[in-house]
């Protein structure tokens, strides 16, 4: 959406006001059909070194169903253009579990995506949102209701095929070549602090969850001299909630959480503190313990929400 020159301007301001490590990951979201070769070459020159491409599907019928503006051919073209512009760290987003989608449809999209040789893939199960065209079509019986059992089959098929192609499953919805895991997302999953700057941006700092307004006029009017506007939301995170969120977010990682890390950060033994929950989830086959490591089983990855809510403060 932003002209390439403005991306360059933003990065220049960041480099002027912060000490930026030379190995820093600078990711930009791109939708196929919205950028050309010149744009990609320019933002790469300015320092963007990772692209996350909203491909969603490489099946023409599914792209129409999803209301995407691009074709499968355009999605493939933008990947080739990105490689030509010097990008060697690409993520492709794909959606599975669409109404009426069969295993062979998604397998074909997945295989075509792998053939494009991205370093990272994010696979998300379809979530029907109210007041969208697809939600209306499903509600009216014009499309079948998405089948959660079929979605589980698609997920497991994808996990197996990606492993066979050298991608490590490192988070519930994410696979990467070794060493190409998404660094900024790892910050969130490890529940570390992060700063969000600009309209509608979210931050998590000093025990507070913060959100800026989504209203541009209000955001601009809130500036006083050099001071940014006050956040529209400021939620204090209690120690109990921080612990619970650290456990829940950490369990999204396929390697799980290390009890020693929790002990160093919070001064508690997770196996004692959550003894009841852990024993129940292990008995249900959703979690497993390996010495000081606690993680979800493969079945647990499919039913993660059944695990997560049990760790929330009462």
Protein backbone atom coordinates (compact mmCIF):
# COMPACT_ATOMS: atom_id res chain seq x y z
CA UNK A 1 0.00 0.00 0.00
CA UNK A 2 2.85 2.39 0.78
CA UNK A 3 5.01 3.75 -2.05
CA UNK A 4 8.48 2.19 -1.95
CA UNK A 5 10.03 5.58 -1.19
CA UNK A 6 7.97 5.86 2.00
CA UNK A 7 9.13 2.41 3.11
CA UNK A 8 12.65 3.72 2.61
CA UNK A 9 11.82 6.83 4.63
CA UNK A 10 10.48 4.76 7.52
CA UNK A 11 13.58 2.57 7.59
CA UNK A 12 15.80 5.65 7.46
CA UNK A 13 14.05 7.12 10.53
CA UNK A 14 14.40 3.80 12.36
CA UNK A 15 18.11 3.57 11.56
CA UNK A 16 18.58 7.19 12.70
CA UNK A 17 16.83 6.72 16.05
CA UNK A 18 17.76 3.17 16.98
CA UNK A 19 20.86 1.00 16.95
CA UNK A 20 19.91 -1.58 14.32
CA UNK A 21 21.85 -4.84 14.21
CA UNK A 22 23.18 -5.65 10.74
CA UNK A 23 21.54 -9.10 10.94
CA UNK A 24 18.10 -7.75 11.89
CA UNK A 25 15.06 -9.30 10.22
CA UNK A 26 12.99 -6.68 8.37
CA UNK A 27 9.77 -8.27 7.16
CA UNK A 28 7.20 -6.74 4.84
CA UNK A 29 3.75 -8.13 4.04
CA UNK A 30 3.01 -8.31 0.31
CA UNK A 31 -0.09 -9.45 -1.57
CA UNK A 32 0.39 -10.86 -5.08
CA UNK A 33 -0.98 -8.56 -7.75
CA UNK A 34 -0.09 -5.38 -5.82
CA UNK A 35 3.66 -5.04 -6.50
CA UNK A 36 5.95 -5.12 -9.53
CA UNK A 37 9.64 -5.80 -10.12
CA UNK A 38 10.66 -2.16 -9.59
CA UNK A 39 8.87 -1.99 -6.25
CA UNK A 40 10.53 -5.16 -4.98
CA UNK A 41 14.00 -4.10 -6.12
CA UNK A 42 13.54 -0.70 -4.43
CA UNK A 43 12.37 -1.95 -1.03
CA UNK A 44 15.13 -4.58 -1.06
CA UNK A 45 17.67 -1.81 -1.69
CA UNK A 46 16.24 0.15 1.27
CA UNK A 47 16.83 -2.80 3.61
CA UNK A 48 13.70 -4.98 3.63
CA UNK A 49 15.15 -8.51 3.71
CA UNK A 50 12.15 -10.77 4.26
CA UNK A 51 8.77 -10.92 2.51
CA UNK A 52 5.60 -12.59 3.75
CA UNK A 53 3.40 -13.25 0.72
CA UNK A 54 -0.37 -13.62 1.09
CA UNK A 55 -0.70 -16.39 -1.50
CA UNK A 56 -3.53 -18.24 0.38
CA UNK A 57 -4.02 -20.80 -2.43
CA UNK A 58 -2.63 -21.79 -5.81
CA UNK A 59 -6.02 -23.11 -6.93
CA UNK A 60 -7.92 -20.65 -9.14
CA UNK A 61 -11.37 -21.72 -7.90
CA UNK A 62 -10.29 -21.33 -4.27
CA UNK A 63 -8.84 -17.88 -4.89
CA UNK A 64 -12.19 -16.75 -6.29
CA UNK A 65 -13.95 -18.32 -3.30
CA UNK A 66 -11.64 -16.42 -0.95
CA UNK A 67 -12.24 -13.14 -2.79
CA UNK A 68 -8.56 -12.66 -3.61
CA UNK A 69 -7.65 -10.21 -6.37
CA UNK A 70 -4.73 -12.28 -7.70
CA UNK A 71 -4.47 -15.45 -9.78
CA UNK A 72 -2.25 -18.44 -9.08
CA UNK A 73 -0.02 -17.32 -11.96
CA UNK A 74 0.43 -13.87 -10.39
CA UNK A 75 1.33 -15.48 -7.07
CA UNK A 76 4.04 -17.55 -8.73
CA UNK A 77 5.26 -14.50 -10.65
CA UNK A 78 5.69 -12.40 -7.49
CA UNK A 79 7.77 -15.17 -5.90
CA UNK A 80 10.02 -15.28 -8.96
CA UNK A 81 10.21 -11.46 -8.96
CA UNK A 82 11.17 -11.45 -5.28
CA UNK A 83 13.97 -13.92 -5.91
CA UNK A 84 15.10 -11.78 -8.85
CA UNK A 85 15.16 -8.70 -6.60
CA UNK A 86 17.56 -10.43 -4.21
CA UNK A 87 15.20 -11.73 -1.54
CA UNK A 88 16.40 -15.02 -0.08
CA UNK A 89 13.95 -15.21 2.82
CA UNK A 90 10.33 -15.64 1.75
CA UNK A 91 7.26 -16.83 3.62
CA UNK A 92 4.13 -18.02 1.82
CA UNK A 93 0.75 -17.99 3.61
CA UNK A 94 -1.71 -20.74 2.68
CA UNK A 95 -5.25 -21.40 3.95
CA UNK A 96 -6.74 -24.87 4.32
CA UNK A 97 -10.11 -26.24 5.38
CA UNK A 98 -12.17 -24.29 2.84
CA UNK A 99 -15.78 -25.35 2.21
CA UNK A 100 -15.73 -28.40 -0.05
CA UNK A 101 -11.92 -28.56 -0.18
CA UNK A 102 -10.63 -32.11 -0.64
CA UNK A 103 -7.21 -33.45 0.26
CA UNK A 104 -5.97 -33.53 -3.33
CA UNK A 105 -6.83 -29.82 -3.81
CA UNK A 106 -4.74 -28.69 -0.87
CA UNK A 107 -1.98 -31.18 -1.60
CA UNK A 108 -1.65 -29.73 -5.10
CA UNK A 109 -1.46 -26.15 -3.77
CA UNK A 110 1.06 -27.18 -1.15
CA UNK A 111 3.27 -29.04 -3.64
CA UNK A 112 3.21 -26.07 -6.02
CA UNK A 113 4.12 -23.75 -3.14
CA UNK A 114 7.06 -25.98 -2.13
CA UNK A 115 8.23 -26.02 -5.76
CA UNK A 116 8.64 -22.22 -5.49
CA UNK A 117 11.30 -22.91 -2.83
CA UNK A 118 10.23 -20.51 -0.07
CA UNK A 119 12.25 -20.55 3.13
CA UNK A 120 9.10 -20.49 5.29
CA UNK A 121 5.45 -21.55 5.07
CA UNK A 122 2.53 -20.54 7.28
CA UNK A 123 -0.59 -22.71 7.04
CA UNK A 124 -3.80 -21.45 8.63
CA UNK A 125 -7.13 -23.21 9.04
CA UNK A 126 -10.02 -21.19 7.64
CA UNK A 127 -11.96 -19.24 10.25
CA UNK A 128 -15.41 -18.09 9.15
CA UNK A 129 -15.93 -14.48 10.19
CA UNK A 130 -19.44 -13.11 10.57
CA UNK A 131 -20.70 -10.68 7.93
CA UNK A 132 -18.25 -11.91 5.28
CA UNK A 133 -19.43 -13.20 1.90
CA UNK A 134 -18.27 -16.73 2.67
CA UNK A 135 -19.99 -16.74 6.06
CA UNK A 136 -23.22 -15.61 4.38
CA UNK A 137 -22.91 -18.31 1.70
CA UNK A 138 -22.36 -21.03 4.30
CA UNK A 139 -25.22 -19.69 6.46
CA UNK A 140 -27.56 -19.81 3.45
CA UNK A 141 -26.51 -23.33 2.50
CA UNK A 142 -24.85 -22.18 -0.72
CA UNK A 143 -21.53 -23.60 0.50
CA UNK A 144 -20.94 -26.62 2.76
CA UNK A 145 -19.96 -26.05 6.37
CA UNK A 146 -16.18 -26.51 6.75
CA UNK A 147 -15.40 -29.98 8.15
CA UNK A 148 -13.01 -29.89 11.14
CA UNK A 149 -12.10 -33.57 10.72
CA UNK A 150 -11.10 -32.94 7.11
CA UNK A 151 -9.11 -29.90 8.21
CA UNK A 152 -7.22 -32.14 10.65
CA UNK A 153 -6.46 -34.58 7.83
CA UNK A 154 -5.18 -31.72 5.66
CA UNK A 155 -2.99 -30.44 8.49
CA UNK A 156 -1.40 -33.84 9.11
CA UNK A 157 -0.86 -34.42 5.39
CA UNK A 158 0.83 -31.03 5.11
CA UNK A 159 3.06 -31.72 8.12
CA UNK A 160 4.25 -35.01 6.59
CA UNK A 161 4.87 -33.57 3.11
CA UNK A 162 6.71 -30.51 4.42
CA UNK A 163 8.92 -32.66 6.64
CA UNK A 164 9.78 -34.80 3.61
CA UNK A 165 10.81 -31.62 1.79
CA UNK A 166 13.15 -30.39 4.51
CA UNK A 167 10.87 -28.01 6.40
CA UNK A 168 10.91 -28.13 10.19
CA UNK A 169 7.57 -27.78 11.95
CA UNK A 170 8.47 -25.31 14.70
CA UNK A 171 5.13 -23.69 15.66
CA UNK A 172 1.53 -24.87 15.36
CA UNK A 173 0.97 -23.08 12.04
CA UNK A 174 4.55 -22.56 10.83
CA UNK A 175 7.26 -24.53 9.03
CA UNK A 176 10.72 -23.32 8.02
CA UNK A 177 14.02 -24.37 6.53
CA UNK A 178 16.59 -24.80 9.33
CA UNK A 179 17.64 -21.38 10.62
CA UNK A 180 14.82 -19.57 8.78
CA UNK A 181 12.28 -19.44 11.57
CA UNK A 182 10.41 -16.12 11.79
CA UNK A 183 12.32 -14.05 14.35
CA UNK A 184 9.64 -11.47 15.15
CA UNK A 185 6.99 -14.15 15.71
CA UNK A 186 9.35 -16.02 18.03
CA UNK A 187 9.39 -12.88 20.17
CA UNK A 188 5.60 -13.14 20.61
CA UNK A 189 5.57 -16.90 21.20
CA UNK A 190 8.24 -16.52 23.87
CA UNK A 191 6.19 -13.69 25.39
CA UNK A 192 9.01 -11.17 25.24
CA UNK A 193 8.41 -7.39 25.06
CA UNK A 194 7.75 -5.72 21.72
CA UNK A 195 7.10 -2.17 20.52
CA UNK A 196 4.41 -1.26 18.00
CA UNK A 197 4.62 2.17 16.35
CA UNK A 198 1.90 3.94 14.41
CA UNK A 199 -1.83 3.79 13.80
CA UNK A 200 -3.54 0.75 15.38
CA UNK A 201 -0.17 -0.62 16.55
CA UNK A 202 0.03 -2.91 19.58
CA UNK A 203 2.85 -3.14 22.12
CA UNK A 204 3.68 -5.26 25.15
CA UNK A 205 6.04 -3.36 27.45
CA UNK A 206 6.82 -3.17 31.17
CA UNK A 207 3.88 -5.31 32.24
CA UNK A 208 1.34 -3.50 30.04
CA UNK A 209 -0.48 -4.42 26.84
CA UNK A 210 -0.99 -1.26 24.78
CA UNK A 211 -2.91 -0.41 21.61
CA UNK A 212 -3.03 2.78 19.58
CA UNK A 213 -6.29 4.07 18.12
CA UNK A 214 -7.44 2.87 14.69
CA UNK A 215 -8.80 6.35 13.89
CA UNK A 216 -6.27 8.32 11.82
CA UNK A 217 -7.70 11.78 12.63
CA UNK A 218 -7.75 10.97 16.34
CA UNK A 219 -4.23 9.56 16.16
CA UNK A 220 -2.81 12.68 14.47
CA UNK A 221 -4.73 15.02 16.77
CA UNK A 222 -3.29 13.23 19.80
CA UNK A 223 0.27 14.42 19.16
CA UNK A 224 1.53 17.07 21.57
CA UNK A 225 4.85 18.50 20.44
CA UNK A 226 7.17 15.56 19.99
CA UNK A 227 5.13 13.26 22.23
CA UNK A 228 3.10 10.51 20.57
CA UNK A 229 -0.60 10.16 21.40
CA UNK A 230 -1.59 8.22 24.50
CA UNK A 231 -2.58 4.61 23.81
CA UNK A 232 -6.28 3.94 23.44
CA UNK A 233 -5.93 0.70 25.42
CA UNK A 234 -3.64 0.14 28.38
CA UNK A 235 -4.10 -3.21 30.10
CA UNK A 236 -1.95 -4.10 33.07
CA UNK A 237 -0.74 -7.69 32.93
CA UNK A 238 -0.69 -9.33 36.35
CA UNK A 239 2.16 -11.74 37.22
CA UNK A 240 -0.36 -14.62 37.16
CA UNK A 241 -1.56 -13.69 33.67
CA UNK A 242 2.00 -13.17 32.41
CA UNK A 243 2.91 -16.66 33.61
CA UNK A 244 -0.17 -18.21 32.01
CA UNK A 245 0.41 -16.42 28.71
CA UNK A 246 4.08 -17.42 28.69
CA UNK A 247 3.10 -21.07 29.13
CA UNK A 248 0.29 -20.93 26.54
CA UNK A 249 2.33 -19.09 23.92
CA UNK A 250 5.36 -21.30 24.57
CA UNK A 251 3.29 -24.43 24.05
CA UNK A 252 2.51 -23.20 20.53
CA UNK A 253 6.14 -24.02 19.75
CA UNK A 254 6.58 -27.62 18.65
CA UNK A 255 9.69 -27.96 20.85
CA UNK A 256 7.58 -26.84 23.82
CA UNK A 257 8.77 -25.01 26.93
CA UNK A 258 11.70 -25.64 29.22
CA UNK A 259 10.75 -25.75 32.90
CA UNK A 260 14.14 -24.29 33.80
CA UNK A 261 13.39 -21.18 31.69
CA UNK A 262 10.07 -20.73 33.51
CA UNK A 263 11.81 -21.16 36.86
CA UNK A 264 14.43 -18.52 36.02
CA UNK A 265 11.79 -16.06 34.82
CA UNK A 266 9.04 -16.59 37.41
CA UNK A 267 10.67 -18.52 40.24
CA UNK A 268 8.20 -21.40 40.07
CA UNK A 269 8.32 -25.08 39.20
CA UNK A 270 5.83 -25.40 36.36
CA UNK A 271 5.29 -29.10 37.04
CA UNK A 272 4.20 -28.36 40.60
CA UNK A 273 2.32 -25.13 39.86
CA UNK A 274 0.23 -26.72 37.09
CA UNK A 275 0.35 -30.32 38.33
CA UNK A 276 -3.40 -30.99 37.89
CA UNK A 277 -3.60 -29.50 34.39
CA UNK A 278 -0.45 -31.23 33.18
CA UNK A 279 -1.47 -34.65 34.52
CA UNK A 280 -4.92 -34.33 32.90
CA UNK A 281 -3.50 -33.31 29.53
CA UNK A 282 -0.85 -36.05 29.54
CA UNK A 283 -3.53 -38.62 30.41
CA UNK A 284 -5.65 -37.30 27.52
CA UNK A 285 -2.73 -37.72 25.12
CA UNK A 286 -2.52 -33.99 24.39
CA UNK A 287 0.74 -33.22 26.18
CA UNK A 288 3.99 -35.02 26.91
CA UNK A 289 6.88 -34.49 29.29
CA UNK A 290 10.51 -35.17 28.38
CA UNK A 291 12.69 -34.50 31.40
CA UNK A 292 12.33 -30.71 31.89
CA UNK A 293 10.57 -30.12 28.56
CA UNK A 294 6.78 -29.86 28.32
CA UNK A 295 5.16 -29.89 24.89
CA UNK A 296 2.04 -30.74 22.94
CA UNK A 297 1.72 -34.11 21.24
CA UNK A 298 0.81 -34.22 17.56
CA UNK A 299 -2.81 -34.70 18.61
CA UNK A 300 -2.38 -31.82 21.04
CA UNK A 301 -1.28 -29.52 18.23
CA UNK A 302 -4.61 -30.24 16.53
CA UNK A 303 -6.57 -29.62 19.74
CA UNK A 304 -4.41 -26.89 21.25
CA UNK A 305 -7.31 -24.72 22.44
CA UNK A 306 -8.49 -27.64 24.58
CA UNK A 307 -5.13 -27.39 26.35
CA UNK A 308 -4.60 -23.65 26.49
CA UNK A 309 -7.74 -22.53 28.34
CA UNK A 310 -6.86 -24.81 31.25
CA UNK A 311 -3.78 -22.70 32.03
CA UNK A 312 -5.63 -19.39 32.28
CA UNK A 313 -5.96 -17.86 35.78
CA UNK A 314 -9.23 -18.80 37.49
